[in-house]
Amino acid sequence: MFESSGSFILARFLFPALLCALWPHSTWGADDVAMADLPTVRFSPRIRAQAWDPRALSALRTEVLEPFWSEALVVEAQDMDQAPRVVATAEHHVMLSRGDRAYALGTDTQPLNQTAVRAQPLWRLFRNARPLKDPVTQQVLGYEAHYLGKALLQQGESQTFEAGPDGRMLAVTVPARIEIVNSKEEVRVGDRLLPEPERTYLNLVPRSPDRAMAGRIVSMYGSAVVNAGQNQVVSLNLGRRDGLKAGHVLNILKAGAPLRAQPENPTLMKLPDEPNGWLLVFQTFEQLSYGLILDTVDGVRVGDRLVGDPHARSRVD
């Protein structure tokens, strides 16, 4: 646009003036030169189309939740018992960290053979799966595995034959070799390995649940704290079976304090539950889910109520 305007000014005014200065007796006028040499170009608005990037912009900064997607894991008790485990360390180390080498032994359900090296090279390390109980019914909803880090399966386990004390050949199992590629805490013998799952999230859009929901805070993730604040992760006793999905936003309610009975009024009383912030669900399991506290007025405690209102779209969305 600007280049065309510059060319127009040069041809319309400067070039004819230069001709007239060089040949003052010429019968060419400025308008004649401009009209003879300059073609007429008309500009008009038009629609421009271009291909749209298929990768939609996330409505939430997913890097804030990135560590919890890989760390938070709820398993069944039998899954943890049948998981491969670390059986030895290199050079008799007691504690392992990033870059150290260790040896692990698979199970019948999850062997660490050469097929696993090709199909599932990256594994997560866990310890001490603790039961997560419903704060009201005390029912065990699942087991939360304590995340330690990640390990790369370098060589699968195998079997060899060696001569025994009596000279007979005995079958000897050679455990798989792993390398610690990421460590949050020290790894030691006895820790368990679970396959690294595929990333199933692409975009997380905060929204209200499709129907009314009511649940409770089950536990605080990570360090043993009594109160959880903003940007901390908690588990809740709602899951896929309840229709909860990643992206749903729930209201946190703080339980009202009980009031002491007065001599003149023996009726039991308590203050009403008050809103105490918002929680964003980012990972769901069958009976449990993990959520990030977006905002809170006061500390969030185990047992605090959670409610989801499908008619609160104007406040959430």
C-alpha atoms as a PDB file:
ATOM      1  CA  MET A   1       0.000   0.000   0.000  1.00  0.00           C
ATOM      2  CA  PHE A   2       2.734   2.457   1.013  1.00  0.00           C
ATOM      3  CA  GLU A   3       5.015   1.400  -1.845  1.00  0.00           C
ATOM      4  CA  SER A   4       2.171   1.931  -4.326  1.00  0.00           C
ATOM      5  CA  SER A   5       1.457   5.363  -2.806  1.00  0.00           C
ATOM      6  CA  GLY A   6       5.138   6.302  -3.099  1.00  0.00           C
ATOM      7  CA  SER A   7       5.262   5.278  -6.750  1.00  0.00           C
ATOM      8  CA  PHE A   8       2.130   7.260  -7.422  1.00  0.00           C
ATOM      9  CA  ILE A   9       3.572  10.443  -5.895  1.00  0.00           C
ATOM     10  CA  LEU A  10       6.853  10.013  -7.796  1.00  0.00           C
ATOM     11  CA  ALA A  11       5.118   9.527 -11.131  1.00  0.00           C
ATOM     12  CA  ARG A  12       2.398  12.132 -10.537  1.00  0.00           C
ATOM     13  CA  PHE A  13       4.492  15.065  -9.335  1.00  0.00           C
ATOM     14  CA  LEU A  14       8.276  14.594  -9.296  1.00  0.00           C
ATOM     15  CA  PHE A  15       8.831  12.935 -12.665  1.00  0.00           C
ATOM     16  CA  PRO A  16       6.718  15.421 -14.676  1.00  0.00           C
ATOM     17  CA  ALA A  17       8.437  18.325 -12.881  1.00  0.00           C
ATOM     18  CA  LEU A  18      11.824  16.883 -13.815  1.00  0.00           C
ATOM     19  CA  LEU A  19      10.816  16.649 -17.494  1.00  0.00           C
ATOM     20  CA  CYS A  20       9.623  20.212 -17.544  1.00  0.00           C
ATOM     21  CA  ALA A  21      12.894  21.429 -15.975  1.00  0.00           C
ATOM     22  CA  LEU A  22      15.030  19.574 -18.562  1.00  0.00           C
ATOM     23  CA  TRP A  23      12.889  20.478 -21.571  1.00  0.00           C
ATOM     24  CA  PRO A  24      11.173  23.734 -20.735  1.00  0.00           C
ATOM     25  CA  HIS A  25       9.935  24.224 -24.335  1.00  0.00           C
ATOM     26  CA  SER A  26       8.286  20.834 -24.419  1.00  0.00           C
ATOM     27  CA  THR A  27       4.523  20.838 -24.902  1.00  0.00           C
ATOM     28  CA  TRP A  28       4.191  18.007 -22.352  1.00  0.00           C
ATOM     29  CA  GLY A  29       2.453  19.053 -19.175  1.00  0.00           C
ATOM     30  CA  ALA A  30       2.594  17.383 -15.808  1.00  0.00           C
ATOM     31  CA  ASP A  31      -0.895  15.980 -16.208  1.00  0.00           C
ATOM     32  CA  ASP A  32      -0.124  14.703 -19.709  1.00  0.00           C
ATOM     33  CA  VAL A  33       3.054  12.891 -18.576  1.00  0.00           C
ATOM     34  CA  ALA A  34       1.300  11.369 -15.588  1.00  0.00           C
ATOM     35  CA  MET A  35      -1.669  10.238 -17.629  1.00  0.00           C
ATOM     36  CA  ALA A  36       0.514   8.813 -20.396  1.00  0.00           C
ATOM     37  CA  ASP A  37       2.994   6.844 -18.289  1.00  0.00           C
ATOM     38  CA  LEU A  38       1.050   5.932 -15.140  1.00  0.00           C
ATOM     39  CA  PRO A  39      -1.516   3.141 -15.307  1.00  0.00           C
ATOM     40  CA  THR A  40      -4.657   3.514 -13.262  1.00  0.00           C
ATOM     41  CA  VAL A  41      -4.653   1.244 -10.199  1.00  0.00           C
ATOM     42  CA  ARG A  42      -7.711   0.954  -7.980  1.00  0.00           C
ATOM     43  CA  PHE A  43      -7.486  -0.355  -4.403  1.00  0.00           C
ATOM     44  CA  SER A  44     -10.430  -1.857  -2.580  1.00  0.00           C
ATOM     45  CA  PRO A  45     -10.867  -3.908   0.629  1.00  0.00           C
ATOM     46  CA  ARG A  46     -10.842  -7.682   0.247  1.00  0.00           C
ATOM     47  CA  ILE A  47     -11.004 -10.763   2.451  1.00  0.00           C
ATOM     48  CA  ARG A  48      -7.743 -12.617   3.032  1.00  0.00           C
ATOM     49  CA  ALA A  49      -7.876 -16.321   3.950  1.00  0.00           C
ATOM     50  CA  GLN A  50      -5.134 -18.438   5.493  1.00  0.00           C
ATOM     51  CA  ALA A  51      -4.868 -21.879   7.042  1.00  0.00           C
ATOM     52  CA  TRP A  52      -5.680 -21.986  10.773  1.00  0.00           C
ATOM     53  CA  ASP A  53      -3.226 -23.573  13.207  1.00  0.00           C
ATOM     54  CA  PRO A  54      -4.891 -26.825  14.394  1.00  0.00           C
ATOM     55  CA  ARG A  55      -3.216 -26.517  17.810  1.00  0.00           C
ATOM     56  CA  ALA A  56      -5.741 -24.553  19.846  1.00  0.00           C
ATOM     57  CA  LEU A  57      -4.509 -22.143  22.454  1.00  0.00           C
ATOM     58  CA  SER A  58      -4.994 -23.470  25.967  1.00  0.00           C
ATOM     59  CA  ALA A  59      -7.369 -21.570  28.206  1.00  0.00           C
ATOM     60  CA  LEU A  60      -5.102 -22.393  31.158  1.00  0.00           C
ATOM     61  CA  ARG A  61      -1.336 -22.398  31.640  1.00  0.00           C
ATOM     62  CA  THR A  62      -0.797 -26.156  31.490  1.00  0.00           C
ATOM     63  CA  GLU A  63       2.855 -25.852  32.540  1.00  0.00           C
ATOM     64  CA  VAL A  64       1.566 -25.074  36.048  1.00  0.00           C
ATOM     65  CA  LEU A  65      -0.018 -28.523  36.189  1.00  0.00           C
ATOM     66  CA  GLU A  66       2.656 -30.364  34.199  1.00  0.00           C
ATOM     67  CA  PRO A  67       4.427 -31.909  37.228  1.00  0.00           C
ATOM     68  CA  PHE A  68       1.197 -33.199  38.746  1.00  0.00           C
ATOM     69  CA  TRP A  69       0.099 -34.954  35.538  1.00  0.00           C
ATOM     70  CA  SER A  70       3.129 -37.189  35.716  1.00  0.00           C
ATOM     71  CA  GLU A  71       3.302 -37.532  39.502  1.00  0.00           C
ATOM     72  CA  ALA A  72      -0.246 -37.986  40.749  1.00  0.00           C
ATOM     73  CA  LEU A  73      -1.291 -41.606  40.344  1.00  0.00           C
ATOM     74  CA  VAL A  74      -4.013 -43.704  41.924  1.00  0.00           C
ATOM     75  CA  VAL A  75      -3.589 -47.475  41.676  1.00  0.00           C
ATOM     76  CA  GLU A  76      -5.233 -50.589  43.006  1.00  0.00           C
ATOM     77  CA  ALA A  77      -3.476 -52.531  45.749  1.00  0.00           C
ATOM     78  CA  GLN A  78      -2.874 -55.551  43.506  1.00  0.00           C
ATOM     79  CA  ASP A  79      -1.391 -53.339  40.765  1.00  0.00           C
ATOM     80  CA  MET A  80       1.256 -52.042  43.140  1.00  0.00           C
ATOM     81  CA  ASP A  81       2.056 -55.540  44.431  1.00  0.00           C
ATOM     82  CA  GLN A  82       2.496 -56.864  40.887  1.00  0.00           C
ATOM     83  CA  ALA A  83       4.660 -53.956  39.699  1.00  0.00           C
ATOM     84  CA  PRO A  84       8.375 -54.522  38.901  1.00  0.00           C
ATOM     85  CA  ARG A  85      10.776 -53.523  41.684  1.00  0.00           C
ATOM     86  CA  VAL A  86      14.354 -52.378  42.119  1.00  0.00           C
ATOM     87  CA  VAL A  87      16.439 -55.321  43.365  1.00  0.00           C
ATOM     88  CA  ALA A  88      20.011 -53.949  43.327  1.00  0.00           C
ATOM     89  CA  THR A  89      22.078 -50.821  42.830  1.00  0.00           C
ATOM     90  CA  ALA A  90      25.350 -50.279  41.007  1.00  0.00           C
ATOM     91  CA  GLU A  91      28.512 -50.122  43.109  1.00  0.00           C
ATOM     92  CA  HIS A  92      26.517 -50.928  46.265  1.00  0.00           C
ATOM     93  CA  HIS A  93      24.971 -47.482  46.507  1.00  0.00           C
ATOM     94  CA  VAL A  94      22.250 -47.141  49.124  1.00  0.00           C
ATOM     95  CA  MET A  95      20.475 -44.118  47.656  1.00  0.00           C
ATOM     96  CA  LEU A  96      20.168 -43.338  43.944  1.00  0.00           C
ATOM     97  CA  SER A  97      19.572 -40.094  42.125  1.00  0.00           C
ATOM     98  CA  ARG A  98      19.678 -38.795  38.560  1.00  0.00           C
ATOM     99  CA  GLY A  99      22.319 -40.482  36.414  1.00  0.00           C
ATOM    100  CA  ASP A 100      22.738 -43.516  38.672  1.00  0.00           C
ATOM    101  CA  ARG A 101      22.283 -47.075  37.462  1.00  0.00           C
ATOM    102  CA  ALA A 102      20.150 -49.764  39.109  1.00  0.00           C
ATOM    103  CA  TYR A 103      18.725 -53.197  38.391  1.00  0.00           C
ATOM    104  CA  ALA A 104      15.063 -54.199  38.426  1.00  0.00           C
ATOM    105  CA  LEU A 105      13.120 -57.420  38.205  1.00  0.00           C
ATOM    106  CA  GLY A 106       9.830 -57.714  36.391  1.00  0.00           C
ATOM    107  CA  THR A 107       6.766 -59.788  37.173  1.00  0.00           C
ATOM    108  CA  ASP A 108       4.535 -62.131  35.220  1.00  0.00           C
ATOM    109  CA  THR A 109       2.069 -59.341  34.452  1.00  0.00           C
ATOM    110  CA  GLN A 110       4.749 -56.704  33.737  1.00  0.00           C
ATOM    111  CA  PRO A 111       7.965 -58.319  32.524  1.00  0.00           C
ATOM    112  CA  LEU A 112      11.047 -56.190  31.896  1.00  0.00           C
ATOM    113  CA  ASN A 113      12.235 -58.063  28.805  1.00  0.00           C
ATOM    114  CA  GLN A 114      13.610 -56.790  25.499  1.00  0.00           C
ATOM    115  CA  THR A 115      10.081 -56.321  24.197  1.00  0.00           C
ATOM    116  CA  ALA A 116       9.437 -53.889  27.045  1.00  0.00           C
ATOM    117  CA  VAL A 117      12.656 -52.032  26.184  1.00  0.00           C
ATOM    118  CA  ARG A 118      11.270 -51.295  22.710  1.00  0.00           C
ATOM    119  CA  ALA A 119       7.608 -50.820  23.625  1.00  0.00           C
ATOM    120  CA  GLN A 120       7.878 -49.098  27.026  1.00  0.00           C
ATOM    121  CA  PRO A 121      11.349 -47.628  27.633  1.00  0.00           C
ATOM    122  CA  LEU A 122      10.298 -44.992  30.199  1.00  0.00           C
ATOM    123  CA  TRP A 123       9.039 -45.987  33.661  1.00  0.00           C
ATOM    124  CA  ARG A 124       8.024 -44.120  36.795  1.00  0.00           C
ATOM    125  CA  LEU A 125       9.357 -44.935  40.245  1.00  0.00           C
ATOM    126  CA  PHE A 126       7.045 -45.094  43.250  1.00  0.00           C
ATOM    127  CA  ARG A 127       7.067 -46.091  46.905  1.00  0.00           C
ATOM    128  CA  ASN A 128       4.590 -46.711  49.714  1.00  0.00           C
ATOM    129  CA  ALA A 129       1.164 -46.573  48.130  1.00  0.00           C
ATOM    130  CA  ARG A 130      -1.079 -45.161  50.860  1.00  0.00           C
ATOM    131  CA  PRO A 131      -4.847 -45.760  51.016  1.00  0.00           C
ATOM    132  CA  LEU A 132      -7.130 -42.813  50.314  1.00  0.00           C
ATOM    133  CA  LYS A 133     -10.333 -43.080  52.349  1.00  0.00           C
ATOM    134  CA  ASP A 134     -13.614 -41.301  51.984  1.00  0.00           C
ATOM    135  CA  PRO A 135     -13.758 -38.819  54.898  1.00  0.00           C
ATOM    136  CA  VAL A 136     -17.429 -39.659  55.519  1.00  0.00           C
ATOM    137  CA  THR A 137     -17.794 -43.413  54.892  1.00  0.00           C
ATOM    138  CA  GLN A 138     -14.115 -44.388  55.496  1.00  0.00           C
ATOM    139  CA  GLN A 139     -14.269 -46.547  52.363  1.00  0.00           C
ATOM    140  CA  VAL A 140     -10.931 -47.049  50.602  1.00  0.00           C
ATOM    141  CA  LEU A 141     -11.303 -45.328  47.225  1.00  0.00           C
ATOM    142  CA  GLY A 142      -7.825 -46.115  45.917  1.00  0.00           C
ATOM    143  CA  TYR A 143      -4.126 -46.082  46.682  1.00  0.00           C
ATOM    144  CA  GLU A 144      -1.940 -43.073  46.034  1.00  0.00           C
ATOM    145  CA  ALA A 145       1.576 -44.037  44.988  1.00  0.00           C
ATOM    146  CA  HIS A 146       4.381 -41.818  46.271  1.00  0.00           C
ATOM    147  CA  TYR A 147       6.232 -40.499  43.217  1.00  0.00           C
ATOM    148  CA  LEU A 148      10.059 -40.662  43.247  1.00  0.00           C
ATOM    149  CA  GLY A 149      11.185 -40.048  39.664  1.00  0.00           C
ATOM    150  CA  LYS A 150      11.621 -41.631  36.251  1.00  0.00           C
ATOM    151  CA  ALA A 151      13.877 -44.374  34.947  1.00  0.00           C
ATOM    152  CA  LEU A 152      14.931 -45.459  31.471  1.00  0.00           C
ATOM    153  CA  LEU A 153      14.882 -49.190  30.788  1.00  0.00           C
ATOM    154  CA  GLN A 154      18.191 -49.741  29.018  1.00  0.00           C
ATOM    155  CA  GLN A 155      18.456 -53.522  28.877  1.00  0.00           C
ATOM    156  CA  GLY A 156      15.838 -56.170  29.503  1.00  0.00           C
ATOM    157  CA  GLU A 157      16.170 -59.022  31.943  1.00  0.00           C
ATOM    158  CA  SER A 158      17.460 -62.323  30.640  1.00  0.00           C
ATOM    159  CA  GLN A 159      18.405 -65.789  31.748  1.00  0.00           C
ATOM    160  CA  THR A 160      21.749 -67.548  31.681  1.00  0.00           C
ATOM    161  CA  PHE A 161      23.152 -70.854  32.885  1.00  0.00           C
ATOM    162  CA  GLU A 162      26.001 -71.298  35.333  1.00  0.00           C
ATOM    163  CA  ALA A 163      27.547 -74.297  37.002  1.00  0.00           C
ATOM    164  CA  GLY A 164      26.323 -75.003  40.508  1.00  0.00           C
ATOM    165  CA  PRO A 165      28.325 -76.342  43.503  1.00  0.00           C
ATOM    166  CA  ASP A 166      27.712 -79.884  42.345  1.00  0.00           C
ATOM    167  CA  GLY A 167      28.724 -79.121  38.780  1.00  0.00           C
ATOM    168  CA  ARG A 168      25.219 -79.138  37.345  1.00  0.00           C
ATOM    169  CA  MET A 169      24.095 -76.203  35.178  1.00  0.00           C
ATOM    170  CA  LEU A 170      21.571 -73.929  36.892  1.00  0.00           C
ATOM    171  CA  ALA A 171      19.320 -71.291  35.349  1.00  0.00           C
ATOM    172  CA  VAL A 172      20.222 -67.817  36.655  1.00  0.00           C
ATOM    173  CA  THR A 173      18.080 -64.702  36.110  1.00  0.00           C
ATOM    174  CA  VAL A 174      19.883 -61.517  35.090  1.00  0.00           C
ATOM    175  CA  PRO A 175      17.791 -58.469  36.130  1.00  0.00           C
ATOM    176  CA  ALA A 176      17.059 -55.576  33.810  1.00  0.00           C
ATOM    177  CA  ARG A 177      19.294 -52.505  33.834  1.00  0.00           C
ATOM    178  CA  ILE A 178      17.715 -49.095  34.369  1.00  0.00           C
ATOM    179  CA  GLU A 179      19.083 -45.561  34.593  1.00  0.00           C
ATOM    180  CA  ILE A 180      17.529 -42.864  36.761  1.00  0.00           C
ATOM    181  CA  VAL A 181      16.804 -39.982  34.398  1.00  0.00           C
ATOM    182  CA  ASN A 182      14.797 -37.810  36.786  1.00  0.00           C
ATOM    183  CA  SER A 183      14.558 -37.923  40.550  1.00  0.00           C
ATOM    184  CA  LYS A 184      12.373 -35.999  42.940  1.00  0.00           C
ATOM    185  CA  GLU A 185      13.546 -38.066  45.899  1.00  0.00           C
ATOM    186  CA  GLU A 186      16.227 -40.692  46.437  1.00  0.00           C
ATOM    187  CA  VAL A 187      15.530 -44.136  44.983  1.00  0.00           C
ATOM    188  CA  ARG A 188      16.442 -47.292  46.885  1.00  0.00           C
ATOM    189  CA  VAL A 189      16.078 -51.067  46.685  1.00  0.00           C
ATOM    190  CA  GLY A 190      12.467 -52.178  46.972  1.00  0.00           C
ATOM    191  CA  ASP A 191      10.932 -49.228  45.111  1.00  0.00           C
ATOM    192  CA  ARG A 192       8.406 -50.068  42.417  1.00  0.00           C
ATOM    193  CA  LEU A 193       8.200 -49.254  38.708  1.00  0.00           C
ATOM    194  CA  LEU A 194       5.063 -48.442  36.761  1.00  0.00           C
ATOM    195  CA  PRO A 195       4.818 -47.646  33.023  1.00  0.00           C
ATOM    196  CA  GLU A 196       4.858 -44.017  32.002  1.00  0.00           C
ATOM    197  CA  PRO A 197       1.357 -43.314  30.639  1.00  0.00           C
ATOM    198  CA  GLU A 198       0.693 -41.399  27.468  1.00  0.00           C
ATOM    199  CA  ARG A 199      -0.278 -37.769  27.738  1.00  0.00           C
ATOM    200  CA  THR A 200      -4.034 -37.735  27.281  1.00  0.00           C
ATOM    201  CA  TYR A 201      -4.649 -33.999  27.727  1.00  0.00           C
ATOM    202  CA  LEU A 202      -4.423 -31.389  25.020  1.00  0.00           C
ATOM    203  CA  ASN A 203      -6.384 -28.451  26.314  1.00  0.00           C
ATOM    204  CA  LEU A 204      -7.976 -27.665  29.649  1.00  0.00           C
ATOM    205  CA  VAL A 205     -10.984 -25.358  29.536  1.00  0.00           C
ATOM    206  CA  PRO A 206     -12.455 -24.395  32.937  1.00  0.00           C
ATOM    207  CA  ARG A 207     -16.209 -24.930  32.951  1.00  0.00           C
ATOM    208  CA  SER A 208     -19.087 -25.847  35.222  1.00  0.00           C
ATOM    209  CA  PRO A 209     -20.107 -29.515  35.646  1.00  0.00           C
ATOM    210  CA  ASP A 210     -22.891 -30.851  33.494  1.00  0.00           C
ATOM    211  CA  ARG A 211     -24.953 -31.682  36.572  1.00  0.00           C
ATOM    212  CA  ALA A 212     -25.055 -30.875  40.278  1.00  0.00           C
ATOM    213  CA  MET A 213     -22.302 -32.570  42.289  1.00  0.00           C
ATOM    214  CA  ALA A 214     -21.341 -32.804  45.935  1.00  0.00           C
ATOM    215  CA  GLY A 215     -18.132 -34.240  47.332  1.00  0.00           C
ATOM    216  CA  ARG A 216     -15.391 -33.885  49.934  1.00  0.00           C
ATOM    217  CA  ILE A 217     -11.674 -33.176  50.115  1.00  0.00           C
ATOM    218  CA  VAL A 218      -9.893 -36.506  50.749  1.00  0.00           C
ATOM    219  CA  SER A 219      -6.235 -35.523  51.205  1.00  0.00           C
ATOM    220  CA  MET A 220      -3.518 -33.016  50.401  1.00  0.00           C
ATOM    221  CA  TYR A 221      -1.052 -34.125  47.763  1.00  0.00           C
ATOM    222  CA  GLY A 222       2.627 -34.139  48.600  1.00  0.00           C
ATOM    223  CA  SER A 223       3.857 -32.880  51.950  1.00  0.00           C
ATOM    224  CA  ALA A 224       1.810 -33.697  55.011  1.00  0.00           C
ATOM    225  CA  VAL A 225       0.112 -30.382  55.669  1.00  0.00           C
ATOM    226  CA  VAL A 226      -3.056 -29.601  57.556  1.00  0.00           C
ATOM    227  CA  ASN A 227      -4.218 -26.678  55.430  1.00  0.00           C
ATOM    228  CA  ALA A 228      -3.870 -26.312  51.677  1.00  0.00           C
ATOM    229  CA  GLY A 229      -3.685 -22.940  49.949  1.00  0.00           C
ATOM    230  CA  GLN A 230      -3.764 -21.489  46.468  1.00  0.00           C
ATOM    231  CA  ASN A 231      -2.005 -23.486  43.722  1.00  0.00           C
ATOM    232  CA  GLN A 232      -1.856 -26.612  45.866  1.00  0.00           C
ATOM    233  CA  VAL A 233      -3.223 -29.983  44.780  1.00  0.00           C
ATOM    234  CA  VAL A 234      -5.821 -31.985  46.691  1.00  0.00           C
ATOM    235  CA  SER A 235      -7.669 -35.240  46.041  1.00  0.00           C
ATOM    236  CA  LEU A 236     -11.458 -35.501  46.172  1.00  0.00           C
ATOM    237  CA  ASN A 237     -13.937 -38.359  46.481  1.00  0.00           C
ATOM    238  CA  LEU A 238     -15.504 -37.776  43.063  1.00  0.00           C
ATOM    239  CA  GLY A 239     -14.418 -39.506  39.880  1.00  0.00           C
ATOM    240  CA  ARG A 240     -15.454 -40.705  36.452  1.00  0.00           C
ATOM    241  CA  ARG A 241     -18.280 -42.777  37.906  1.00  0.00           C
ATOM    242  CA  ASP A 242     -19.826 -39.530  39.170  1.00  0.00           C
ATOM    243  CA  GLY A 243     -19.535 -37.797  35.788  1.00  0.00           C
ATOM    244  CA  LEU A 244     -16.596 -35.619  36.824  1.00  0.00           C
ATOM    245  CA  LYS A 245     -14.271 -34.540  34.005  1.00  0.00           C
ATOM    246  CA  ALA A 246     -11.008 -32.651  33.681  1.00  0.00           C
ATOM    247  CA  GLY A 247     -11.748 -28.936  33.492  1.00  0.00           C
ATOM    248  CA  HIS A 248     -14.743 -28.953  35.822  1.00  0.00           C
ATOM    249  CA  VAL A 249     -14.669 -26.207  38.429  1.00  0.00           C
ATOM    250  CA  LEU A 250     -16.112 -26.873  41.895  1.00  0.00           C
ATOM    251  CA  ASN A 251     -16.900 -24.477  44.709  1.00  0.00           C
ATOM    252  CA  ILE A 252     -15.114 -25.106  48.019  1.00  0.00           C
ATOM    253  CA  LEU A 253     -17.238 -24.685  51.135  1.00  0.00           C
ATOM    254  CA  LYS A 254     -15.838 -24.241  54.612  1.00  0.00           C
ATOM    255  CA  ALA A 255     -17.799 -26.043  57.291  1.00  0.00           C
ATOM    256  CA  GLY A 256     -19.531 -23.769  59.750  1.00  0.00           C
ATOM    257  CA  ALA A 257     -18.271 -23.894  63.313  1.00  0.00           C
ATOM    258  CA  PRO A 258     -20.557 -25.415  65.965  1.00  0.00           C
ATOM    259  CA  LEU A 259     -21.985 -23.114  68.617  1.00  0.00           C
ATOM    260  CA  ARG A 260     -22.023 -23.922  72.274  1.00  0.00           C
ATOM    261  CA  ALA A 261     -25.437 -24.581  73.718  1.00  0.00           C
ATOM    262  CA  GLN A 262     -26.651 -21.828  75.992  1.00  0.00           C
ATOM    263  CA  PRO A 263     -28.342 -22.642  79.305  1.00  0.00           C
ATOM    264  CA  GLU A 264     -31.479 -20.876  78.172  1.00  0.00           C
ATOM    265  CA  ASN A 265     -31.365 -22.519  74.730  1.00  0.00           C
ATOM    266  CA  PRO A 266     -30.054 -26.137  74.718  1.00  0.00           C
ATOM    267  CA  THR A 267     -30.644 -26.523  70.975  1.00  0.00           C
ATOM    268  CA  LEU A 268     -27.529 -27.653  69.055  1.00  0.00           C
ATOM    269  CA  MET A 269     -26.433 -25.029  66.542  1.00  0.00           C
ATOM    270  CA  LYS A 270     -23.723 -24.463  63.958  1.00  0.00           C
ATOM    271  CA  LEU A 271     -22.842 -21.656  61.615  1.00  0.00           C
ATOM    272  CA  PRO A 272     -23.728 -22.073  57.920  1.00  0.00           C
ATOM    273  CA  ASP A 273     -21.110 -23.324  55.465  1.00  0.00           C
ATOM    274  CA  GLU A 274     -19.381 -20.457  53.712  1.00  0.00           C
ATOM    275  CA  PRO A 275     -17.791 -20.293  50.220  1.00  0.00           C
ATOM    276  CA  ASN A 276     -14.036 -20.678  50.505  1.00  0.00           C
ATOM    277  CA  GLY A 277     -12.745 -20.613  46.933  1.00  0.00           C
ATOM    278  CA  TRP A 278     -12.654 -22.559  43.681  1.00  0.00           C
ATOM    279  CA  LEU A 279     -11.076 -25.847  42.672  1.00  0.00           C
ATOM    280  CA  LEU A 280     -10.178 -26.943  39.133  1.00  0.00           C
ATOM    281  CA  VAL A 281     -10.248 -30.689  38.403  1.00  0.00           C
ATOM    282  CA  PHE A 282      -7.339 -31.675  36.145  1.00  0.00           C
ATOM    283  CA  GLN A 283      -7.064 -35.469  36.468  1.00  0.00           C
ATOM    284  CA  THR A 284      -9.784 -38.040  37.090  1.00  0.00           C
ATOM    285  CA  PHE A 285      -9.817 -41.706  38.067  1.00  0.00           C
ATOM    286  CA  GLU A 286     -12.728 -44.067  38.626  1.00  0.00           C
ATOM    287  CA  GLN A 287     -13.497 -43.076  42.223  1.00  0.00           C
ATOM    288  CA  LEU A 288     -11.001 -40.261  42.861  1.00  0.00           C
ATOM    289  CA  SER A 289      -9.798 -37.088  41.208  1.00  0.00           C
ATOM    290  CA  TYR A 290      -7.104 -34.456  41.649  1.00  0.00           C
ATOM    291  CA  GLY A 291      -7.821 -30.750  41.645  1.00  0.00           C
ATOM    292  CA  LEU A 292      -5.854 -27.509  41.801  1.00  0.00           C
ATOM    293  CA  ILE A 293      -7.007 -24.840  44.249  1.00  0.00           C
ATOM    294  CA  LEU A 294      -7.464 -21.735  42.118  1.00  0.00           C
ATOM    295  CA  ASP A 295      -8.462 -19.381  44.889  1.00  0.00           C
ATOM    296  CA  THR A 296      -9.211 -19.626  48.590  1.00  0.00           C
ATOM    297  CA  VAL A 297     -10.210 -17.234  51.325  1.00  0.00           C
ATOM    298  CA  ASP A 298      -9.064 -19.469  54.173  1.00  0.00           C
ATOM    299  CA  GLY A 299      -7.062 -22.689  54.340  1.00  0.00           C
ATOM    300  CA  VAL A 300      -8.650 -25.804  52.808  1.00  0.00           C
ATOM    301  CA  ARG A 301      -8.828 -28.844  55.086  1.00  0.00           C
ATOM    302  CA  VAL A 302      -9.592 -32.537  54.672  1.00  0.00           C
ATOM    303  CA  GLY A 303     -13.346 -33.056  54.787  1.00  0.00           C
ATOM    304  CA  ASP A 304     -14.285 -29.648  53.356  1.00  0.00           C
ATOM    305  CA  ARG A 305     -17.302 -29.817  51.081  1.00  0.00           C
ATOM    306  CA  LEU A 306     -17.196 -29.416  47.302  1.00  0.00           C
ATOM    307  CA  VAL A 307     -20.230 -28.508  45.230  1.00  0.00           C
ATOM    308  CA  GLY A 308     -20.687 -28.187  41.496  1.00  0.00           C
ATOM    309  CA  ASP A 309     -23.462 -26.016  40.122  1.00  0.00           C
ATOM    310  CA  PRO A 310     -24.310 -26.482  36.415  1.00  0.00           C
ATOM    311  CA  HIS A 311     -26.117 -23.121  36.441  1.00  0.00           C
ATOM    312  CA  ALA A 312     -23.018 -21.174  37.554  1.00  0.00           C
ATOM    313  CA  ARG A 313     -21.645 -20.766  34.011  1.00  0.00           C
ATOM    314  CA  SER A 314     -21.709 -16.995  34.168  1.00  0.00           C
ATOM    315  CA  ARG A 315     -19.384 -17.053  37.185  1.00  0.00           C
ATOM    316  CA  VAL A 316     -17.066 -19.861  36.055  1.00  0.00           C
ATOM    317  CA  ASP A 317     -16.906 -19.408  32.292  1.00  0.00           C
END
